[in-house]
């Protein structure tokens, strides 16, 4: 069987490490799909879900809040400040944080406050979308 090694790492811990048949994740210009023996690549990724089709046929979902992707023919590395396993995503907590970010957006008094609130809102919207994808599987 043809597989590629995948590592998803956050600032705090290794979230996933194992063999996979395929990896899909949100690139800056659109969805990226990585198969074994992919051309080497380094790029930034957006907030969203990383879908890993494991060697045994199962799937693993990981939410990342953006980061860097490095692809080598036999290895994929995803580096993100924040990465959360799909099974650990908390919809209630994410919705509460989204409401707080929406309030911060309405109450923004400077360009910096506005940009910070918009960024936080985008990450939380991506997290909720990833959660929905994980629950559908």
N, C-alpha and C. Protein backbone atom coordinates (compact mmCIF):
# COMPACT_ATOMS: atom_id res chain seq x y z
N UNK A 1 0.85 -1.18 0.00
CA UNK A 1 0.00 0.00 0.00
C UNK A 1 0.89 1.25 0.00
N UNK A 2 0.51 2.23 -0.75
CA UNK A 2 1.27 3.47 -0.86
C UNK A 2 0.76 4.49 0.15
N UNK A 3 1.62 4.90 1.09
CA UNK A 3 1.22 5.85 2.12
C UNK A 3 2.26 6.95 2.27
N UNK A 4 1.86 7.97 3.02
CA UNK A 4 2.73 9.10 3.32
C UNK A 4 2.64 9.36 4.82
N UNK A 5 3.76 9.71 5.44
CA UNK A 5 3.74 9.98 6.88
C UNK A 5 3.21 11.40 7.10
N UNK A 6 2.30 11.56 8.08
CA UNK A 6 1.69 12.86 8.36
C UNK A 6 1.93 13.21 9.83
N UNK A 7 2.39 14.44 10.05
CA UNK A 7 2.53 15.00 11.39
C UNK A 7 1.76 16.30 11.44
N UNK A 8 0.86 16.44 12.42
CA UNK A 8 0.15 17.70 12.68
C UNK A 8 0.58 18.12 14.08
N UNK A 9 1.20 19.30 14.16
CA UNK A 9 1.79 19.76 15.41
C UNK A 9 1.28 21.15 15.76
N UNK A 10 0.88 21.31 17.03
CA UNK A 10 0.49 22.63 17.52
C UNK A 10 1.64 23.18 18.36
N UNK A 11 1.47 24.38 18.88
CA UNK A 11 2.49 24.98 19.74
C UNK A 11 2.66 24.17 21.03
N UNK A 12 1.62 23.46 21.45
CA UNK A 12 1.66 22.73 22.72
C UNK A 12 2.02 21.26 22.59
N UNK A 13 1.60 20.61 21.48
CA UNK A 13 1.77 19.16 21.41
C UNK A 13 1.65 18.63 19.98
N UNK A 14 2.03 17.36 19.83
CA UNK A 14 1.80 16.66 18.58
C UNK A 14 0.35 16.19 18.59
N UNK A 15 -0.41 16.59 17.59
CA UNK A 15 -1.83 16.27 17.53
C UNK A 15 -2.07 14.96 16.79
N UNK A 16 -1.32 14.73 15.72
CA UNK A 16 -1.46 13.50 14.95
C UNK A 16 -0.11 13.14 14.35
N UNK A 17 0.21 11.86 14.37
CA UNK A 17 1.41 11.35 13.71
C UNK A 17 1.09 9.94 13.25
N UNK A 18 1.16 9.72 11.94
CA UNK A 18 0.86 8.39 11.42
C UNK A 18 0.90 8.34 9.92
N UNK A 19 0.62 7.17 9.39
CA UNK A 19 0.62 6.95 7.95
C UNK A 19 -0.76 7.26 7.37
N UNK A 20 -0.77 7.81 6.16
CA UNK A 20 -2.04 8.17 5.52
C UNK A 20 -1.98 7.88 4.03
N UNK A 21 -3.16 7.70 3.46
CA UNK A 21 -3.29 7.53 2.01
C UNK A 21 -3.46 8.88 1.32
N UNK A 22 -4.06 9.85 2.06
CA UNK A 22 -4.41 11.13 1.47
C UNK A 22 -4.61 12.16 2.58
N UNK A 23 -4.27 13.42 2.29
CA UNK A 23 -4.48 14.52 3.23
C UNK A 23 -5.11 15.68 2.46
N UNK A 24 -6.17 16.27 3.02
CA UNK A 24 -6.80 17.46 2.43
C UNK A 24 -6.80 18.56 3.48
N UNK A 25 -6.45 19.79 3.05
CA UNK A 25 -6.41 20.90 3.99
C UNK A 25 -6.60 22.22 3.26
N UNK A 26 -6.93 23.29 4.01
CA UNK A 26 -7.24 24.58 3.39
C UNK A 26 -5.99 25.42 3.10
N UNK A 27 -5.56 25.44 1.84
CA UNK A 27 -4.46 26.31 1.44
C UNK A 27 -4.94 27.73 1.30
N UNK A 28 -4.01 28.65 1.19
CA UNK A 28 -4.40 30.06 1.06
C UNK A 28 -5.20 30.34 -0.20
N UNK A 29 -4.93 29.59 -1.26
CA UNK A 29 -5.62 29.84 -2.53
C UNK A 29 -6.70 28.80 -2.82
N UNK A 30 -6.98 27.94 -1.86
CA UNK A 30 -7.99 26.91 -2.07
C UNK A 30 -7.59 25.61 -1.41
N UNK A 31 -8.44 24.62 -1.54
CA UNK A 31 -8.23 23.32 -0.93
C UNK A 31 -7.03 22.60 -1.56
N UNK A 32 -6.18 22.01 -0.72
CA UNK A 32 -5.03 21.24 -1.18
C UNK A 32 -5.27 19.77 -0.90
N UNK A 33 -4.90 18.92 -1.84
CA UNK A 33 -4.97 17.48 -1.66
C UNK A 33 -3.57 16.91 -1.86
N UNK A 34 -3.13 16.11 -0.90
CA UNK A 34 -1.77 15.58 -0.92
C UNK A 34 -1.82 14.05 -0.93
N UNK A 35 -1.21 13.45 -1.93
CA UNK A 35 -1.05 12.01 -2.03
C UNK A 35 0.43 11.66 -1.83
N UNK A 36 0.74 10.39 -1.56
CA UNK A 36 2.15 9.99 -1.48
C UNK A 36 2.90 10.37 -2.77
N UNK A 37 4.16 10.70 -2.62
CA UNK A 37 5.08 11.11 -3.70
C UNK A 37 4.69 12.46 -4.30
N UNK A 38 4.03 13.31 -3.51
CA UNK A 38 3.67 14.65 -3.95
C UNK A 38 4.94 15.48 -4.16
N UNK A 39 4.88 16.41 -5.05
CA UNK A 39 5.99 17.34 -5.28
C UNK A 39 6.26 18.13 -4.01
N UNK A 40 7.53 18.34 -3.65
CA UNK A 40 7.83 19.15 -2.45
C UNK A 40 7.18 20.53 -2.52
N UNK A 41 6.73 20.99 -1.36
CA UNK A 41 5.96 22.23 -1.29
C UNK A 41 6.04 22.80 0.11
N UNK A 42 6.16 24.11 0.21
CA UNK A 42 6.00 24.81 1.49
C UNK A 42 5.04 25.95 1.22
N UNK A 43 3.98 26.05 2.03
CA UNK A 43 2.98 27.10 1.84
C UNK A 43 2.27 27.39 3.15
N UNK A 44 1.62 28.52 3.21
CA UNK A 44 0.78 28.84 4.36
C UNK A 44 -0.58 28.21 4.16
N UNK A 45 -1.24 27.92 5.29
CA UNK A 45 -2.60 27.38 5.22
C UNK A 45 -3.52 28.27 6.04
N UNK A 46 -4.81 28.24 5.66
CA UNK A 46 -5.83 29.02 6.36
C UNK A 46 -6.44 28.19 7.47
N UNK A 47 -7.20 28.87 8.30
CA UNK A 47 -7.96 28.18 9.35
C UNK A 47 -8.97 27.26 8.69
N UNK A 48 -9.09 26.06 9.23
CA UNK A 48 -10.04 25.09 8.70
C UNK A 48 -9.70 23.69 9.14
N UNK A 49 -10.28 22.71 8.46
CA UNK A 49 -10.08 21.33 8.88
C UNK A 49 -9.07 20.62 7.98
N UNK A 50 -8.24 19.83 8.64
CA UNK A 50 -7.31 18.93 7.97
C UNK A 50 -7.98 17.55 8.01
N UNK A 51 -8.19 16.98 6.84
CA UNK A 51 -8.79 15.64 6.77
C UNK A 51 -7.71 14.65 6.37
N UNK A 52 -7.50 13.67 7.23
CA UNK A 52 -6.46 12.68 7.00
C UNK A 52 -7.13 11.33 6.77
N UNK A 53 -6.93 10.78 5.57
CA UNK A 53 -7.44 9.44 5.26
C UNK A 53 -6.34 8.46 5.65
N UNK A 54 -6.54 7.79 6.77
CA UNK A 54 -5.50 6.94 7.34
C UNK A 54 -5.26 5.67 6.50
N UNK A 55 -4.11 5.05 6.72
CA UNK A 55 -3.72 3.85 5.98
C UNK A 55 -4.73 2.71 6.18
N UNK A 56 -5.37 2.64 7.36
CA UNK A 56 -6.33 1.58 7.64
C UNK A 56 -7.73 1.87 7.09
N UNK A 57 -7.89 3.01 6.39
CA UNK A 57 -9.18 3.37 5.81
C UNK A 57 -10.00 4.32 6.66
N UNK A 58 -9.62 4.50 7.93
CA UNK A 58 -10.33 5.44 8.80
C UNK A 58 -9.97 6.88 8.46
N UNK A 59 -10.68 7.80 9.09
CA UNK A 59 -10.40 9.22 8.87
C UNK A 59 -10.13 9.91 10.20
N UNK A 60 -9.27 10.90 10.13
CA UNK A 60 -8.97 11.74 11.28
C UNK A 60 -9.20 13.18 10.83
N UNK A 61 -9.90 13.97 11.67
CA UNK A 61 -10.10 15.38 11.40
C UNK A 61 -9.38 16.19 12.47
N UNK A 62 -8.69 17.24 12.03
CA UNK A 62 -8.01 18.14 12.96
C UNK A 62 -8.32 19.57 12.51
N UNK A 63 -8.76 20.42 13.45
CA UNK A 63 -8.96 21.84 13.16
C UNK A 63 -7.63 22.55 13.38
N UNK A 64 -7.23 23.39 12.41
CA UNK A 64 -6.05 24.23 12.57
C UNK A 64 -6.46 25.68 12.35
N UNK A 65 -5.86 26.57 13.12
CA UNK A 65 -6.17 28.00 13.01
C UNK A 65 -5.14 28.67 12.11
N UNK A 66 -4.87 28.05 10.96
CA UNK A 66 -3.85 28.55 10.05
C UNK A 66 -2.51 27.93 10.39
N UNK A 67 -1.50 28.26 9.60
CA UNK A 67 -0.18 27.73 9.87
C UNK A 67 0.63 27.53 8.61
N UNK A 68 1.56 26.59 8.70
CA UNK A 68 2.49 26.29 7.61
C UNK A 68 2.38 24.81 7.26
N UNK A 69 2.43 24.53 5.96
CA UNK A 69 2.42 23.16 5.45
C UNK A 69 3.74 22.90 4.74
N UNK A 70 4.39 21.80 5.08
CA UNK A 70 5.57 21.35 4.35
C UNK A 70 5.26 19.97 3.81
N UNK A 71 5.47 19.79 2.51
CA UNK A 71 5.25 18.50 1.87
C UNK A 71 6.56 18.03 1.26
N UNK A 72 6.93 16.81 1.58
CA UNK A 72 8.03 16.10 0.95
C UNK A 72 7.43 14.84 0.34
N UNK A 73 8.10 14.19 -0.60
CA UNK A 73 7.49 13.02 -1.25
C UNK A 73 6.99 11.93 -0.29
N UNK A 74 7.62 11.82 0.89
CA UNK A 74 7.22 10.77 1.83
C UNK A 74 6.73 11.29 3.18
N UNK A 75 6.55 12.62 3.28
CA UNK A 75 6.18 13.19 4.59
C UNK A 75 5.41 14.51 4.42
N UNK A 76 4.36 14.68 5.23
CA UNK A 76 3.59 15.92 5.29
C UNK A 76 3.67 16.42 6.72
N UNK A 77 4.04 17.70 6.89
CA UNK A 77 4.09 18.30 8.21
C UNK A 77 3.22 19.54 8.22
N UNK A 78 2.29 19.59 9.18
CA UNK A 78 1.42 20.74 9.36
C UNK A 78 1.78 21.36 10.71
N UNK A 79 2.21 22.63 10.67
CA UNK A 79 2.57 23.36 11.88
C UNK A 79 1.55 24.47 12.10
N UNK A 80 0.94 24.49 13.28
CA UNK A 80 -0.07 25.49 13.58
C UNK A 80 0.03 25.91 15.03
N UNK A 81 -0.18 27.20 15.30
CA UNK A 81 -0.20 27.65 16.70
C UNK A 81 -1.31 26.93 17.47
N UNK A 82 -2.46 26.77 16.81
CA UNK A 82 -3.60 26.11 17.44
C UNK A 82 -4.08 24.98 16.55
N UNK A 83 -4.13 23.78 17.11
CA UNK A 83 -4.67 22.61 16.41
C UNK A 83 -5.47 21.81 17.43
N UNK A 84 -6.67 21.40 17.03
CA UNK A 84 -7.56 20.67 17.94
C UNK A 84 -8.11 19.44 17.20
N UNK A 85 -8.02 18.29 17.83
CA UNK A 85 -8.59 17.07 17.24
C UNK A 85 -10.10 17.26 17.06
N UNK A 86 -10.62 16.73 15.97
CA UNK A 86 -12.05 16.86 15.70
C UNK A 86 -12.91 16.40 16.86
N UNK A 87 -12.53 15.30 17.50
CA UNK A 87 -13.32 14.76 18.61
C UNK A 87 -13.28 15.65 19.84
N UNK A 88 -12.30 16.58 19.91
CA UNK A 88 -12.16 17.47 21.06
C UNK A 88 -12.81 18.84 20.85
N UNK A 89 -13.35 19.10 19.67
CA UNK A 89 -14.00 20.38 19.41
C UNK A 89 -15.28 20.50 20.23
N UNK A 90 -15.49 21.66 20.82
CA UNK A 90 -16.64 21.91 21.68
C UNK A 90 -17.51 22.99 21.03
N UNK A 91 -18.66 22.58 20.50
CA UNK A 91 -19.52 23.51 19.77
C UNK A 91 -20.05 24.63 20.67
N UNK A 92 -20.46 24.30 21.88
CA UNK A 92 -20.99 25.31 22.78
C UNK A 92 -19.93 26.37 23.10
N UNK A 93 -18.74 25.91 23.38
CA UNK A 93 -17.63 26.83 23.69
C UNK A 93 -17.28 27.70 22.47
N UNK A 94 -17.26 27.10 21.29
CA UNK A 94 -16.95 27.84 20.08
C UNK A 94 -18.03 28.88 19.77
N UNK A 95 -19.30 28.53 19.96
CA UNK A 95 -20.39 29.49 19.73
C UNK A 95 -20.32 30.66 20.71
N UNK A 96 -19.99 30.37 21.97
CA UNK A 96 -19.85 31.44 22.97
C UNK A 96 -18.70 32.37 22.60
N UNK A 97 -17.59 31.80 22.16
CA UNK A 97 -16.44 32.61 21.75
C UNK A 97 -16.78 33.43 20.51
N UNK A 98 -17.58 32.86 19.61
CA UNK A 98 -17.99 33.59 18.40
C UNK A 98 -18.85 34.79 18.77
N UNK A 99 -19.77 34.61 19.70
CA UNK A 99 -20.62 35.73 20.15
C UNK A 99 -19.76 36.82 20.77
N UNK A 100 -18.78 36.43 21.56
CA UNK A 100 -17.88 37.40 22.19
C UNK A 100 -17.08 38.16 21.12
N UNK A 101 -16.62 37.46 20.09
CA UNK A 101 -15.87 38.10 19.00
C UNK A 101 -16.77 39.06 18.21
N UNK A 102 -18.04 38.68 18.02
CA UNK A 102 -18.99 39.57 17.32
C UNK A 102 -19.23 40.84 18.13
N UNK A 103 -19.31 40.71 19.45
CA UNK A 103 -19.45 41.89 20.31
C UNK A 103 -18.21 42.77 20.22
N UNK A 104 -17.04 42.15 20.23
CA UNK A 104 -15.78 42.90 20.12
C UNK A 104 -15.72 43.63 18.79
N UNK A 105 -16.25 43.02 17.75
CA UNK A 105 -16.27 43.64 16.42
C UNK A 105 -17.18 44.88 16.44
N UNK A 106 -18.33 44.77 17.07
CA UNK A 106 -19.25 45.92 17.16
C UNK A 106 -18.67 47.04 18.01
N UNK A 107 -17.93 46.66 19.05
CA UNK A 107 -17.39 47.64 20.00
C UNK A 107 -15.99 48.13 19.66
N UNK A 108 -15.45 47.72 18.53
CA UNK A 108 -14.07 48.08 18.18
C UNK A 108 -13.92 49.60 18.09
N UNK A 109 -12.89 50.11 18.75
CA UNK A 109 -12.67 51.55 18.79
C UNK A 109 -11.46 51.98 17.95
N UNK A 110 -10.70 51.03 17.47
CA UNK A 110 -9.55 51.36 16.64
C UNK A 110 -9.42 50.33 15.51
N UNK A 111 -8.59 50.64 14.55
CA UNK A 111 -8.35 49.72 13.43
C UNK A 111 -7.75 48.40 13.94
N UNK A 112 -6.90 48.49 14.95
CA UNK A 112 -6.27 47.28 15.50
C UNK A 112 -7.33 46.40 16.17
N UNK A 113 -8.21 47.01 16.96
CA UNK A 113 -9.28 46.25 17.61
C UNK A 113 -10.18 45.60 16.56
N UNK A 114 -10.48 46.33 15.51
CA UNK A 114 -11.33 45.82 14.43
C UNK A 114 -10.67 44.63 13.74
N UNK A 115 -9.40 44.77 13.40
CA UNK A 115 -8.66 43.69 12.72
C UNK A 115 -8.57 42.46 13.62
N UNK A 116 -8.31 42.66 14.89
CA UNK A 116 -8.20 41.54 15.83
C UNK A 116 -9.53 40.80 15.94
N UNK A 117 -10.62 41.54 16.05
CA UNK A 117 -11.95 40.92 16.15
C UNK A 117 -12.32 40.19 14.87
N UNK A 118 -12.01 40.77 13.71
CA UNK A 118 -12.29 40.12 12.44
C UNK A 118 -11.51 38.82 12.29
N UNK A 119 -10.24 38.85 12.70
CA UNK A 119 -9.40 37.66 12.62
C UNK A 119 -9.95 36.55 13.53
N UNK A 120 -10.30 36.92 14.75
CA UNK A 120 -10.84 35.94 15.70
C UNK A 120 -12.15 35.36 15.20
N UNK A 121 -12.99 36.20 14.62
CA UNK A 121 -14.28 35.74 14.09
C UNK A 121 -14.07 34.77 12.93
N UNK A 122 -13.11 35.04 12.06
CA UNK A 122 -12.81 34.15 10.93
C UNK A 122 -12.34 32.78 11.42
N UNK A 123 -11.48 32.77 12.43
CA UNK A 123 -10.98 31.50 12.98
C UNK A 123 -12.12 30.72 13.62
N UNK A 124 -12.98 31.39 14.36
CA UNK A 124 -14.09 30.69 15.01
C UNK A 124 -15.11 30.17 14.00
N UNK A 125 -15.35 30.92 12.94
CA UNK A 125 -16.25 30.43 11.89
C UNK A 125 -15.66 29.17 11.24
N UNK A 126 -14.35 29.18 11.00
CA UNK A 126 -13.68 28.00 10.44
C UNK A 126 -13.75 26.83 11.41
N UNK A 127 -13.60 27.11 12.69
CA UNK A 127 -13.68 26.05 13.70
C UNK A 127 -15.08 25.42 13.72
N UNK A 128 -16.11 26.23 13.67
CA UNK A 128 -17.47 25.70 13.65
C UNK A 128 -17.74 24.89 12.39
N UNK A 129 -17.20 25.35 11.26
CA UNK A 129 -17.34 24.62 10.01
C UNK A 129 -16.64 23.26 10.11
N UNK A 130 -15.44 23.26 10.69
CA UNK A 130 -14.70 22.00 10.87
C UNK A 130 -15.48 21.06 11.78
N UNK A 131 -16.09 21.60 12.81
CA UNK A 131 -16.88 20.79 13.73
C UNK A 131 -18.05 20.13 13.01
N UNK A 132 -18.71 20.88 12.15
CA UNK A 132 -19.84 20.32 11.38
C UNK A 132 -19.36 19.20 10.46
N UNK A 133 -18.21 19.41 9.81
CA UNK A 133 -17.65 18.37 8.93
C UNK A 133 -17.32 17.12 9.73
N UNK A 134 -16.74 17.31 10.92
CA UNK A 134 -16.38 16.17 11.76
C UNK A 134 -17.63 15.39 12.18
N UNK A 135 -18.69 16.11 12.54
CA UNK A 135 -19.91 15.44 13.01
C UNK A 135 -20.61 14.68 11.89
N UNK A 136 -20.43 15.11 10.64
CA UNK A 136 -21.09 14.45 9.50
C UNK A 136 -20.47 13.09 9.19
N UNK A 137 -19.21 12.91 9.50
CA UNK A 137 -18.51 11.70 9.06
C UNK A 137 -19.05 10.44 9.59
